[in-house]
Amino acid sequence: MRTNAAAKWIRRVSPANAKADLSRFVNDRVKDSLTGQGVIRALFTPPSSDTVVPLSTPRRSFSRQSIWRMKHRDESVGQSLPLPPAELVYYGSVDRYLESGQGDASTLRKLFDRLGVRLSGISVMDWGCRDCRVLRHFEAEARSCDFWGVDQHGPTMEWVKENLSPPFRFVTCTAYPHLPFEDRTFDIIFAISVMTHVPWLADAWLMELRRILKPGAYGLLTIHDEHTWQFLRKDDAFREAFALEEEDIKKGETGDLVIIDGADVPLEYVNVFHSSERIRREWGQYFEIVAIEPCAFYHQAMVVVRKPIGAGGS
């Protein structure tokens, strides 16, 4: 009977050498996976360089250099902020990018008002900002607030850092549940269409958001819930975009947690559905669940959470 490396390692581990053995095992596996930057590309979409050229005299395994050149800020007619190039606009056309972003920003402002959040002198994070479809519409508030955009899509993050900072600030993250901010940094964090694509380690991400929120601060996170299934049933084009048939919806809508993926589907296109009951049960372990608002953002519900007042950094 064949045994894999992990099984062999588990059998020989002992309290005396567990740490060293674990470190060696993990390092070996990571080295194996790093061929072709596999692990990096699984966690993060690296930006494309302008040019890749071979070295004149390759040696010591170094064979090429990738070259990035500074791109000048674009001047966008009728807009106070530059518009991203077409290949970086996630929502298709520029008109849809602007219109949908303005609409979502307006919805967020209404939620902020209801929660008593004033956009003045506070720190705000857009987790999953991508091309700043929503964040750009807080340009005026960025004069008196500290706005951060965070995303793992390298090409877009390179563009926004060059063209939209200031007034905003940006940092590139990965799919690993860690964000490079100190404990209790933010007064509010919003994430539109992020948890809808996080099939695994959602609890670790929630704890990371809890860590960087101030006590009493709010998180606004959209999800697919039971109302999204109803939305899919009514909209043929939308159902097609999810690659679902009526029988798939019947099976899925009874689930507590449903993940729609495939062997070759990139993580950002994986769709995750939660029941409201699951959100209250699972997310309620880390936050106070203030509200779950169905179809607040088209087909997605908005979950409003609050870090308990007495909570520390974790």
Protein backbone atom coordinates (compact mmCIF):
# COMPACT_ATOMS: atom_id res chain seq x y z
CA MET A 1 0.00 0.00 0.00
CA ARG A 2 1.50 3.36 -1.02
CA THR A 3 1.80 6.19 1.47
CA ASN A 4 2.33 9.84 0.67
CA ALA A 5 4.96 12.17 2.15
CA ALA A 6 2.50 13.71 4.58
CA ALA A 7 1.52 10.32 6.03
CA LYS A 8 5.18 9.34 6.50
CA TRP A 9 5.87 12.66 8.20
CA ILE A 10 2.89 12.27 10.55
CA ARG A 11 4.08 8.81 11.65
CA ARG A 12 7.57 9.92 12.54
CA VAL A 13 6.72 13.23 14.21
CA SER A 14 7.48 13.48 17.93
CA PRO A 15 7.21 16.30 20.49
CA ALA A 16 10.98 16.75 20.47
CA ASN A 17 11.34 17.39 16.77
CA ALA A 18 7.81 18.37 15.75
CA LYS A 19 8.57 22.02 15.04
CA ALA A 20 11.69 21.33 12.98
CA ASP A 21 10.03 18.49 11.06
CA LEU A 22 6.94 20.57 10.33
CA SER A 23 9.06 23.48 9.12
CA ARG A 24 11.12 21.19 6.87
CA PHE A 25 8.03 19.47 5.48
CA VAL A 26 6.24 22.74 4.70
CA ASN A 27 9.34 24.29 3.16
CA ASP A 28 9.82 21.26 0.92
CA ARG A 29 6.20 21.33 -0.24
CA VAL A 30 6.31 25.07 -0.87
CA LYS A 31 9.54 24.77 -2.87
CA ASP A 32 7.92 22.07 -5.00
CA SER A 33 4.85 24.25 -5.59
CA LEU A 34 6.77 27.42 -6.36
CA THR A 35 7.82 26.09 -9.77
CA GLY A 36 6.41 28.57 -12.26
CA GLN A 37 5.35 30.83 -9.37
CA GLY A 38 2.36 28.55 -8.81
CA VAL A 39 1.75 29.51 -5.20
CA ILE A 40 2.15 33.23 -5.88
CA ARG A 41 -0.34 33.13 -8.73
CA ALA A 42 -2.79 31.18 -6.59
CA LEU A 43 -2.73 33.95 -3.96
CA PHE A 44 -2.36 37.06 -6.09
CA THR A 45 -2.66 38.22 -9.70
CA PRO A 46 0.75 39.75 -10.51
CA PRO A 47 0.91 42.80 -12.75
CA SER A 48 2.12 42.33 -16.30
CA SER A 49 5.39 44.03 -17.14
CA ASP A 50 5.80 46.20 -20.22
CA THR A 51 8.71 44.13 -21.51
CA VAL A 52 10.41 40.83 -20.71
CA VAL A 53 13.86 40.48 -22.24
CA PRO A 54 16.61 37.85 -21.85
CA LEU A 55 19.76 38.73 -19.96
CA SER A 56 22.80 39.26 -22.16
CA THR A 57 24.73 36.60 -20.28
CA PRO A 58 22.45 34.29 -18.28
CA ARG A 59 24.12 32.80 -15.22
CA ARG A 60 23.35 31.29 -11.83
CA SER A 61 19.81 30.44 -13.07
CA PHE A 62 19.03 34.12 -13.83
CA SER A 63 17.90 34.40 -17.44
CA ARG A 64 15.57 37.39 -17.92
CA GLN A 65 14.47 40.79 -16.69
CA SER A 66 10.92 42.11 -16.53
CA ILE A 67 10.65 45.86 -17.03
CA TRP A 68 7.91 48.21 -15.81
CA ARG A 69 7.83 51.85 -16.95
CA MET A 70 6.10 54.75 -15.23
CA LYS A 71 2.74 55.48 -16.81
CA HIS A 72 1.60 59.10 -16.81
CA ARG A 73 -1.74 60.00 -15.29
CA ASP A 74 -4.53 59.79 -17.85
CA GLU A 75 -6.67 62.82 -18.44
CA SER A 76 -10.33 61.75 -18.55
CA VAL A 77 -12.73 64.21 -20.15
CA GLY A 78 -15.56 65.22 -17.83
CA GLN A 79 -14.10 63.38 -14.83
CA SER A 80 -12.09 64.86 -11.96
CA LEU A 81 -10.28 61.52 -11.56
CA PRO A 82 -8.67 59.46 -14.34
CA LEU A 83 -10.59 56.50 -15.73
CA PRO A 84 -8.94 53.07 -15.91
CA PRO A 85 -8.05 51.66 -19.34
CA ALA A 86 -10.65 49.40 -20.92
CA GLU A 87 -8.74 46.21 -20.14
CA LEU A 88 -8.88 46.98 -16.41
CA VAL A 89 -12.56 47.92 -16.21
CA TYR A 90 -14.12 44.92 -14.49
CA TYR A 91 -17.74 45.89 -15.15
CA GLY A 92 -17.48 46.04 -18.93
CA SER A 93 -18.15 49.49 -20.35
CA VAL A 94 -16.93 52.72 -18.79
CA ASP A 95 -20.53 54.01 -18.64
CA ARG A 96 -21.62 51.00 -16.61
CA TYR A 97 -18.49 51.30 -14.46
CA LEU A 98 -19.36 54.90 -13.57
CA GLU A 99 -23.12 54.47 -13.21
CA SER A 100 -23.00 51.30 -11.08
CA GLY A 101 -20.20 52.66 -8.93
CA GLN A 102 -22.10 55.87 -8.23
CA GLY A 103 -25.23 53.89 -7.38
CA ASP A 104 -23.39 51.61 -4.94
CA ALA A 105 -21.63 54.57 -3.32
CA SER A 106 -25.02 56.23 -2.84
CA THR A 107 -26.38 53.08 -1.17
CA LEU A 108 -23.36 52.97 1.13
CA ARG A 109 -23.85 56.61 2.14
CA LYS A 110 -27.45 55.87 3.11
CA LEU A 111 -26.29 52.94 5.23
CA PHE A 112 -23.60 55.10 6.85
CA ASP A 113 -26.22 57.72 7.72
CA ARG A 114 -28.51 55.13 9.29
CA LEU A 115 -25.62 53.81 11.37
CA GLY A 116 -24.67 57.31 12.50
CA VAL A 117 -21.31 57.19 10.70
CA ARG A 118 -20.05 60.63 9.63
CA LEU A 119 -17.44 60.63 6.89
CA SER A 120 -15.16 63.13 8.54
CA GLY A 121 -11.89 62.47 10.35
CA ILE A 122 -12.23 58.68 10.23
CA SER A 123 -10.44 55.76 8.55
CA VAL A 124 -12.32 53.77 5.90
CA MET A 125 -11.30 50.69 3.93
CA ASP A 126 -12.75 49.36 0.68
CA TRP A 127 -11.75 45.69 0.80
CA GLY A 128 -11.81 44.42 -2.78
CA CYS A 129 -11.63 47.86 -4.39
CA ARG A 130 -10.31 46.48 -7.71
CA ASP A 131 -10.63 49.34 -10.26
CA CYS A 132 -12.11 51.77 -7.69
CA ARG A 133 -15.55 51.53 -9.27
CA VAL A 134 -17.09 52.53 -5.92
CA LEU A 135 -14.23 54.17 -4.05
CA ARG A 136 -13.70 56.91 -6.66
CA HIS A 137 -17.12 58.35 -5.75
CA PHE A 138 -15.85 59.21 -2.26
CA GLU A 139 -13.34 61.70 -3.66
CA ALA A 140 -14.85 64.64 -1.76
CA GLU A 141 -14.91 62.77 1.56
CA ALA A 142 -11.29 61.69 1.07
CA ARG A 143 -10.24 65.29 1.79
CA SER A 144 -11.19 64.80 5.45
CA CYS A 145 -11.01 60.99 5.84
CA ASP A 146 -8.30 58.38 5.43
CA PHE A 147 -9.58 56.12 2.62
CA TRP A 148 -7.74 52.89 1.77
CA GLY A 149 -8.38 50.57 -1.16
CA VAL A 150 -7.22 46.95 -0.90
CA ASP A 151 -7.24 44.23 -3.56
CA GLN A 152 -5.25 41.23 -4.79
CA HIS A 153 -5.45 42.06 -8.51
CA GLY A 154 -1.94 43.30 -9.22
CA PRO A 155 -2.46 44.91 -12.66
CA THR A 156 -5.34 47.06 -11.41
CA MET A 157 -3.58 47.95 -8.16
CA GLU A 158 -0.56 49.19 -10.11
CA TRP A 159 -2.84 51.49 -12.10
CA VAL A 160 -4.83 52.88 -9.15
CA LYS A 161 -1.67 53.58 -7.16
CA GLU A 162 -0.28 55.58 -10.07
CA ASN A 163 -3.49 57.40 -10.97
CA LEU A 164 -5.76 57.68 -7.92
CA SER A 165 -3.31 58.27 -5.09
CA PRO A 166 -3.89 60.90 -3.83
CA PRO A 167 -6.68 61.28 -2.81
CA PHE A 168 -6.86 57.59 -1.85
CA ARG A 169 -4.24 55.20 -0.53
CA PHE A 170 -3.80 51.61 -1.64
CA VAL A 171 -2.17 48.36 -0.64
CA THR A 172 -2.06 45.06 -2.50
CA CYS A 173 -3.13 41.98 -0.56
CA THR A 174 -3.33 38.26 -1.35
CA ALA A 175 -5.95 35.54 -0.89
CA TYR A 176 -4.23 34.63 2.37
CA PRO A 177 -6.27 36.07 5.30
CA HIS A 178 -3.92 38.82 6.40
CA LEU A 179 -4.00 42.60 5.89
CA PRO A 180 -0.96 44.78 6.69
CA PHE A 181 -2.63 47.14 9.14
CA GLU A 182 -2.27 47.59 12.87
CA ASP A 183 -4.94 46.49 15.33
CA ARG A 184 -7.93 48.83 15.66
CA THR A 185 -7.12 50.91 12.55
CA PHE A 186 -10.48 51.38 10.82
CA ASP A 187 -13.78 53.01 11.74
CA ILE A 188 -15.58 51.28 8.91
CA ILE A 189 -14.79 48.58 6.34
CA PHE A 190 -16.99 47.81 3.35
CA ALA A 191 -16.63 44.95 0.90
CA ILE A 192 -18.89 44.66 -2.12
CA SER A 193 -18.82 41.26 -3.87
CA VAL A 194 -15.89 39.88 -1.88
CA MET A 195 -17.34 37.37 0.59
CA THR A 196 -19.46 36.17 -2.34
CA HIS A 197 -16.23 34.70 -3.73
CA VAL A 198 -14.51 33.44 -0.56
CA PRO A 199 -15.27 29.71 -0.31
CA TRP A 200 -12.61 28.84 2.25
CA LEU A 201 -11.06 30.52 5.29
CA ALA A 202 -14.02 32.88 5.59
CA ASP A 203 -13.77 32.63 9.38
CA ALA A 204 -10.09 33.60 9.27
CA TRP A 205 -10.95 36.61 7.10
CA LEU A 206 -13.68 37.66 9.51
CA MET A 207 -11.24 37.50 12.41
CA GLU A 208 -8.73 39.56 10.44
CA LEU A 209 -11.36 42.22 9.73
CA ARG A 210 -12.32 42.16 13.40
CA ARG A 211 -8.68 42.69 14.35
CA ILE A 212 -8.22 45.84 12.26
CA LEU A 213 -11.61 47.37 13.13
CA LYS A 214 -11.86 49.65 16.14
CA PRO A 215 -14.16 48.52 18.98
CA GLY A 216 -17.69 49.58 18.08
CA ALA A 217 -16.77 49.99 14.40
CA TYR A 218 -18.81 48.56 11.53
CA GLY A 219 -18.19 46.16 8.69
CA LEU A 220 -20.51 46.12 5.65
CA LEU A 221 -20.11 42.92 3.65
CA THR A 222 -22.29 41.72 0.77
CA ILE A 223 -23.27 38.07 0.36
CA HIS A 224 -25.40 35.81 -1.80
CA ASP A 225 -28.29 34.61 0.36
CA GLU A 226 -31.66 32.87 -0.05
CA HIS A 227 -33.06 35.96 -1.78
CA THR A 228 -30.32 35.69 -4.42
CA TRP A 229 -31.70 32.27 -5.39
CA GLN A 230 -35.10 33.88 -5.92
CA PHE A 231 -33.47 36.59 -8.01
CA LEU A 232 -31.78 33.94 -10.17
CA ARG A 233 -35.06 32.16 -10.73
CA LYS A 234 -36.65 35.33 -12.14
CA ASP A 235 -33.79 36.51 -14.37
CA ASP A 236 -32.77 34.20 -17.23
CA ALA A 237 -29.71 36.20 -18.27
CA PHE A 238 -28.51 36.45 -14.71
CA ARG A 239 -28.99 32.71 -14.20
CA GLU A 240 -26.96 32.06 -17.33
CA ALA A 241 -24.13 34.18 -15.96
CA PHE A 242 -24.05 31.87 -12.92
CA ALA A 243 -24.09 28.82 -15.24
CA LEU A 244 -27.19 27.44 -13.47
CA GLU A 245 -30.33 25.63 -14.55
CA GLU A 246 -33.66 25.61 -12.70
CA GLU A 247 -32.90 22.21 -11.18
CA ASP A 248 -29.58 23.54 -9.86
CA ILE A 249 -31.41 26.36 -8.10
CA LYS A 250 -33.88 23.91 -6.53
CA LYS A 251 -30.97 21.93 -5.09
CA GLY A 252 -28.95 24.95 -4.04
CA GLU A 253 -31.61 27.05 -2.34
CA THR A 254 -32.09 24.47 0.40
CA GLY A 255 -28.41 24.60 1.36
CA ASP A 256 -26.88 26.29 4.37
CA LEU A 257 -23.67 26.92 2.42
CA VAL A 258 -23.38 26.43 -1.36
CA ILE A 259 -20.23 26.83 -3.46
CA ILE A 260 -20.40 26.92 -7.25
CA ASP A 261 -16.99 26.26 -8.75
CA GLY A 262 -15.04 24.00 -11.10
CA ALA A 263 -11.59 22.54 -11.46
CA ASP A 264 -10.39 25.36 -13.72
CA VAL A 265 -12.49 28.24 -12.36
CA PRO A 266 -10.39 31.12 -10.94
CA LEU A 267 -11.16 31.95 -7.33
CA GLU A 268 -12.62 35.35 -8.21
CA TYR A 269 -15.33 33.62 -10.28
CA VAL A 270 -16.29 31.05 -7.64
CA ASN A 271 -19.73 31.90 -6.23
CA VAL A 272 -20.61 31.32 -2.58
CA PHE A 273 -24.11 31.34 -1.08
CA HIS A 274 -24.90 31.58 2.65
CA SER A 275 -28.26 31.23 4.35
CA SER A 276 -29.15 34.10 6.67
CA GLU A 277 -29.36 31.57 9.48
CA ARG A 278 -25.78 30.50 8.82
CA ILE A 279 -24.59 34.12 8.80
CA ARG A 280 -26.14 34.74 12.21
CA ARG A 281 -24.84 31.46 13.59
CA GLU A 282 -21.29 31.56 12.17
CA TRP A 283 -20.48 35.25 11.77
CA GLY A 284 -22.21 35.97 15.07
CA GLN A 285 -19.29 34.26 16.80
CA TYR A 286 -17.01 37.13 15.76
CA PHE A 287 -19.30 40.15 15.45
CA GLU A 288 -22.62 41.56 16.52
CA ILE A 289 -24.94 41.06 13.55
CA VAL A 290 -26.65 44.43 13.20
CA ALA A 291 -28.69 43.67 10.07
CA ILE A 292 -28.98 41.50 6.98
CA GLU A 293 -30.59 43.54 4.20
CA PRO A 294 -31.83 41.44 1.22
CA CYS A 295 -30.99 42.65 -2.30
CA ALA A 296 -29.34 45.81 -0.97
CA PHE A 297 -26.86 45.67 -3.85
CA TYR A 298 -28.88 44.32 -6.76
CA HIS A 299 -28.83 40.54 -6.17
CA GLN A 300 -26.58 40.64 -3.09
CA ALA A 301 -27.62 41.11 0.52
CA MET A 302 -25.71 43.45 2.80
CA VAL A 303 -24.59 42.08 6.15
CA VAL A 304 -23.89 44.84 8.66
CA VAL A 305 -21.65 43.69 11.51
CA ARG A 306 -20.23 45.53 14.49
CA LYS A 307 -17.14 44.80 16.53
CA PRO A 308 -18.14 44.58 20.21
CA ILE A 309 -17.25 47.66 22.25
CA GLY A 310 -15.26 45.69 24.79
CA ALA A 311 -13.22 43.82 22.17
CA GLY A 312 -9.51 44.45 21.85
CA GLY A 313 -7.34 44.00 18.80
CA SER A 314 -8.47 40.44 18.13
